């Protein structure tokens, strides 16, 4: 047996580890395990010998496909589908707002259904339905039904929580795995920095009505410089509501009107400590972030993830929906051609080993370089350091120190 070229070795604050970049599997190693893995990088080792040295590790490496050759192209697994550009609110910094906001008709149902079929056939197993405001689209239940019947494993709907009728929720109940409600404050007294108007009680009522319909409810606050110390309060709110919680990290350029809300390095370090205390990880800009370690060399934009705008235009991810990253239109051409174009544009070559400020960092295979959109916003290039690097660096420094103490 010998490791495939998709396997990397790294050090987490003195703990030797190996990771599989194809599936994200990570293992910390004992001194004996580290010696075995070093040999597996350099030479063929008989399975019987590996099992004699460390039977548990050997079996885990086999089960986690550490000896398989890497896939030529990583599979597409996640997509955002924006079903409308209409919205009843005007939230500062909305990532999907452009000149078409409230100025264009929704795409026909048939076009959306074909797009869903393409995504399902292309391997998408996690689909996020976004907008605009998703509940303004009357055929939303039909779209979710098609997604589930096409075999997509997890379908989540994002909503601002202000126009979710009981009738619409009942129609979505057989098909929606979860509905995520955006919060801008953990109490009615919190200033609404993003929305401008606090609707806390309305949103809490929406969460309860989602649950009454038999659908799992998430709450999704946007974390920024003014509320980076409030993570524990949001976690407590989720517990009180009986909901799960995910979060978004405010992402914008320094010239944006919201730039004063970008957290300082001190706030990012404090947020990392809070995330560690709450059992969450700082990897994602929008999705659920469980407490686990995951090996990666990039965020997957344009390769493992795509974002489809309300007019069918496809982009590498929901945070890179900009003209220079337009990959094609799913209403007009097959997904395979669009994915090929993403690779031609270099998204398959975005790797943390090439990012400025990342290539020599010991945590690079855990954070994967963070978010390429935040790198663009902070430094003007997809190849630069994520503007929230301090968050991830502090998190993994402290996690590594904690693990080292625990297993010393």
Foldseek 3Di string as FASTA:
>chain_A
DAFAPQKDWFQQQNFTKMARAQFFDIDTDDPLRVVVNVVSHPHDDDLVVVCVSPVVVSVVCVVVVRRPYHDPFRAAAEEEEAQELEAPADWAQPLQDDPCRVPDDFDDPVLLLLLLLLCLVSHHQEYEYHYRAQVVDPCSLVSQVSNVVSPRNAYEYEHCQQDDDLVNLLSNQVGHQEYEHEAQDLDQPDQRNTRRHHPPVSNLVSLVSNVVSVHAYEYEYEDWQVCLLPPVSNVVSCVVSVHHYDYAYRAAACPGPCNVRHHDLVSLLNSLVVCVVVQFADQDRGDGGGNDFTFHFAPQFLGRYWYAHSQQWIFRHSNGPDPVRTQDGVSPDRPVSSSVSSVVVPPSVRGQCQAVPRVPDSCCRRNSQGHLSQQCRYPVGSRYHRPSVSNNVSNSNVVSVVVVVVVD
